[in-house]
Structure formats: C-alpha cells, structure tokens
Amino acid sequence: MGKGKELFGHYNDLAKEKGPGSKESEYAGILFQALLMVGERRTFELLEEADEKGKKLKLEYPSSLKKGDAPSAVVLE
C-alpha cells in the first residue's frame, strides 16, 4: 500500500504545481472522489494496479445518467 500512497501524493503534488483546470488537477479530483467512494486502502490498491498496467483511474457513472448523478464505481481506464 506504500506505493499507492506515494502515487496519490505524487498526483496531488502535480495538480498543485499545474493549477486548477489542468489535466493533473482533474485527475487529482478523481483520486479524491475515489478515496471518498471506496476508501483509502482500495484507492491505493487501484492506483498500484493502474501504475503496473500503465492505466489511470476513472469514475464510472450509471448508464441511465441524469444531471447531478454521482459516480457509481471507480475503474481502470
């Protein structure tokens, strides 16, 4: 889990460096949302898996998406 925590910090630092509206900031927002949805341990595990596979995390929304719907899952992209 240490590597996942480091990755989370790395992406957060990049977001701070690049500023609001940047791709890095958007991704940090996704990671924070994942943290709220699935918890710290699972988010860090997913980050490690994504890093190993060269992927990123993505929020998945219900197929019957209505304005204001919350994401339903965190998946690898």
Foldseek 3Di string as FASTA:
>chain_A
DVVLVVVLVVLVVVDVVVDPPDPSVVLNVVLVVQCVVPNDVVSSVQSVVCVVVVWGKDFACDPPDDPPGDTDDIDTD
